[in-house]
C-alpha atoms as a PDB file:
ATOM      1  CA  MET A   1     134.040 103.241  98.203  1.00  0.00           C
ATOM      2  CA  SER A   2     134.586  99.691  96.906  1.00  0.00           C
ATOM      3  CA  GLU A   3     135.278  96.731  99.198  1.00  0.00           C
ATOM      4  CA  TYR A   4     138.644  96.207  97.449  1.00  0.00           C
ATOM      5  CA  ALA A   5     139.678  99.836  97.904  1.00  0.00           C
ATOM      6  CA  VAL A   6     138.857  99.795 101.588  1.00  0.00           C
ATOM      7  CA  ILE A   7     140.974  96.654 102.112  1.00  0.00           C
ATOM      8  CA  LEU A   8     143.854  98.219 100.157  1.00  0.00           C
ATOM      9  CA  PHE A   9     143.617 101.389 102.240  1.00  0.00           C
ATOM     10  CA  VAL A  10     143.604  99.545 105.533  1.00  0.00           C
ATOM     11  CA  PHE A  11     146.683  97.488 104.526  1.00  0.00           C
ATOM     12  CA  PHE A  12     148.389 100.595 103.262  1.00  0.00           C
ATOM     13  CA  LEU A  13     148.264 102.403 106.640  1.00  0.00           C
ATOM     14  CA  PHE A  14     151.012 100.458 108.394  1.00  0.00           C
ATOM     15  CA  PRO A  15     153.697 100.562 105.732  1.00  0.00           C
ATOM     16  CA  VAL A  16     153.140 104.276 105.170  1.00  0.00           C
ATOM     17  CA  THR A  17     153.484 104.873 108.904  1.00  0.00           C
ATOM     18  CA  LEU A  18     156.604 102.724 109.090  1.00  0.00           C
ATOM     19  CA  SER A  19     158.177 104.316 106.097  1.00  0.00           C
ATOM     20  CA  ALA A  20     158.126 107.609 107.935  1.00  0.00           C
ATOM     21  CA  TYR A  21     160.474 106.196 110.575  1.00  0.00           C
ATOM     22  CA  PRO A  22     163.479 108.565 110.204  1.00  0.00           C
ATOM     23  CA  PRO A  23     166.336 106.059 110.450  1.00  0.00           C
ATOM     24  CA  LEU A  24     164.938 104.147 107.448  1.00  0.00           C
ATOM     25  CA  ARG A  25     165.546 107.214 105.251  1.00  0.00           C
ATOM     26  CA  LEU A  26     163.150 105.778 102.685  1.00  0.00           C
ATOM     27  CA  TYR A  27     162.107 109.106 101.320  1.00  0.00           C
ATOM     28  CA  ALA A  28     165.713 110.286 100.875  1.00  0.00           C
ATOM     29  CA  ARG A  29     165.794 107.750  98.069  1.00  0.00           C
ATOM     30  CA  ILE A  30     162.348 108.457  96.718  1.00  0.00           C
ATOM     31  CA  ARG A  31     163.494 108.438  93.115  1.00  0.00           C
ATOM     32  CA  ALA A  32     164.912 104.917  93.485  1.00  0.00           C
ATOM     33  CA  VAL A  33     161.623 103.825  95.197  1.00  0.00           C
ATOM     34  CA  ALA A  34     159.525 105.316  92.336  1.00  0.00           C
ATOM     35  CA  VAL A  35     161.644 103.718  89.644  1.00  0.00           C
ATOM     36  CA  THR A  36     161.436 100.306  91.386  1.00  0.00           C
ATOM     37  CA  ILE A  37     157.674 100.566  91.802  1.00  0.00           C
ATOM     38  CA  GLY A  38     157.337 101.685  88.145  1.00  0.00           C
ATOM     39  CA  LYS A  39     159.292  98.673  86.848  1.00  0.00           C
ATOM     40  CA  VAL A  40     157.193  96.289  88.890  1.00  0.00           C
ATOM     41  CA  LEU A  41     154.025  98.032  87.800  1.00  0.00           C
ATOM     42  CA  LEU A  42     155.040  97.681  84.199  1.00  0.00           C
ATOM     43  CA  LEU A  43     155.923  93.981  84.389  1.00  0.00           C
ATOM     44  CA  TRP A  44     153.263  92.839  86.845  1.00  0.00           C
ATOM     45  CA  GLY A  45     150.677  95.085  85.116  1.00  0.00           C
ATOM     46  CA  ALA A  46     151.423  93.485  81.707  1.00  0.00           C
ATOM     47  CA  TRP A  47     150.979  90.060  83.243  1.00  0.00           C
ATOM     48  CA  GLU A  48     147.692  91.144  84.854  1.00  0.00           C
ATOM     49  CA  VAL A  49     146.400  92.563  81.601  1.00  0.00           C
ATOM     50  CA  PHE A  50     147.275  89.338  79.818  1.00  0.00           C
ATOM     51  CA  ALA A  51     145.761  87.110  82.474  1.00  0.00           C
ATOM     52  CA  VAL A  52     142.456  89.064  82.542  1.00  0.00           C
ATOM     53  CA  PHE A  53     142.378  89.125  78.731  1.00  0.00           C
ATOM     54  CA  ARG A  54     142.841  85.376  78.562  1.00  0.00           C
ATOM     55  CA  GLY A  55     140.302  84.718  81.264  1.00  0.00           C
ATOM     56  CA  TYR A  56     142.696  83.237  83.851  1.00  0.00           C
ATOM     57  CA  TRP A  57     140.950  85.402  86.439  1.00  0.00           C
ATOM     58  CA  ARG A  58     138.548  88.237  86.628  1.00  0.00           C
ATOM     59  CA  TYR A  59     137.357  90.924  89.041  1.00  0.00           C
ATOM     60  CA  ARG A  60     133.840  90.982  90.438  1.00  0.00           C
ATOM     61  CA  GLU A  61     132.227  94.187  89.206  1.00  0.00           C
ATOM     62  CA  ILE A  62     130.380  94.648  92.493  1.00  0.00           C
ATOM     63  CA  THR A  63     133.618  94.843  94.563  1.00  0.00           C
ATOM     64  CA  VAL A  64     135.579  97.321  92.387  1.00  0.00           C
ATOM     65  CA  PHE A  65     135.237 100.807  91.095  1.00  0.00           C
ATOM     66  CA  PRO A  66     134.054 101.107  87.451  1.00  0.00           C
ATOM     67  CA  TRP A  67     137.259 102.959  86.458  1.00  0.00           C
ATOM     68  CA  ARG A  68     139.415 100.797  84.160  1.00  0.00           C
ATOM     69  CA  PHE A  69     142.915 101.033  82.714  1.00  0.00           C
ATOM     70  CA  PHE A  70     143.785  98.498  80.010  1.00  0.00           C
ATOM     71  CA  ASN A  71     140.675  96.567  81.155  1.00  0.00           C
ATOM     72  CA  LEU A  72     142.001  96.462  84.728  1.00  0.00           C
ATOM     73  CA  PRO A  73     140.156  98.002  87.621  1.00  0.00           C
ATOM     74  CA  ALA A  74     141.943 100.853  89.397  1.00  0.00           C
ATOM     75  CA  GLU A  75     142.266  98.648  92.497  1.00  0.00           C
ATOM     76  CA  ALA A  76     144.313  96.063  90.649  1.00  0.00           C
ATOM     77  CA  LEU A  77     146.860  98.726  89.702  1.00  0.00           C
ATOM     78  CA  ALA A  78     146.764 100.141  93.234  1.00  0.00           C
ATOM     79  CA  ARG A  79     147.380  96.581  94.599  1.00  0.00           C
ATOM     80  CA  ILE A  80     150.515  96.272  92.495  1.00  0.00           C
ATOM     81  CA  VAL A  81     151.822  99.584  93.766  1.00  0.00           C
ATOM     82  CA  LEU A  82     150.874  98.733  97.363  1.00  0.00           C
ATOM     83  CA  VAL A  83     152.569  95.323  97.324  1.00  0.00           C
ATOM     84  CA  SER A  84     155.660  96.842  95.755  1.00  0.00           C
ATOM     85  CA  PHE A  85     155.789  99.634  98.339  1.00  0.00           C
ATOM     86  CA  CYS A  86     155.216  97.232 101.248  1.00  0.00           C
ATOM     87  CA  SER A  87     158.024  95.033  99.959  1.00  0.00           C
ATOM     88  CA  ILE A  88     160.427  97.931  99.786  1.00  0.00           C
ATOM     89  CA  VAL A  89     159.455  99.160 103.284  1.00  0.00           C
ATOM     90  CA  LEU A  90     159.893  95.644 104.678  1.00  0.00           C
ATOM     91  CA  TRP A  91     163.275  95.206 102.955  1.00  0.00           C
ATOM     92  CA  GLU A  92     164.604  98.557 104.259  1.00  0.00           C
ATOM     93  CA  THR A  93     163.269  97.859 107.767  1.00  0.00           C
ATOM     94  CA  ILE A  94     165.034  94.504 107.910  1.00  0.00           C
ATOM     95  CA  ARG A  95     168.202  95.989 106.611  1.00  0.00           C
ATOM     96  CA  TYR A  96     168.085  98.752 109.174  1.00  0.00           C
ATOM     97  CA  PHE A  97     167.519  96.461 112.150  1.00  0.00           C
ATOM     98  CA  ASN A  98     170.067  93.988 110.821  1.00  0.00           C
ATOM     99  CA  ARG A  99     172.722  96.614 110.812  1.00  0.00           C
ATOM    100  CA  LYS A 100     171.656  98.020 114.095  1.00  0.00           C
ATOM    101  CA  PHE A 101     171.792  94.769 116.085  1.00  0.00           C
ATOM    102  CA  ARG A 102     174.920  93.206 114.624  1.00  0.00           C
END
């Protein structure tokens, strides 16, 4: 497993666990979550493809899997999905506790 994938997996554990907290009801709106992540993936992914193509940054071959999508390593796309998911979980958690303690 690549270093990058291990880091993504470790950082994915807490949001996934938190998202299962029943009062958040995150999975009751799974379609909205998927659409939101899809839009972010499309826009951020396009920027990432452009930036790698132009040489603004690159990925070290030794730290990522060899699988590529539009010249991006699989971990780059996984990072986009992970950050989007974490943002949604954080937003929903803040909303829940804000309503609960008002």
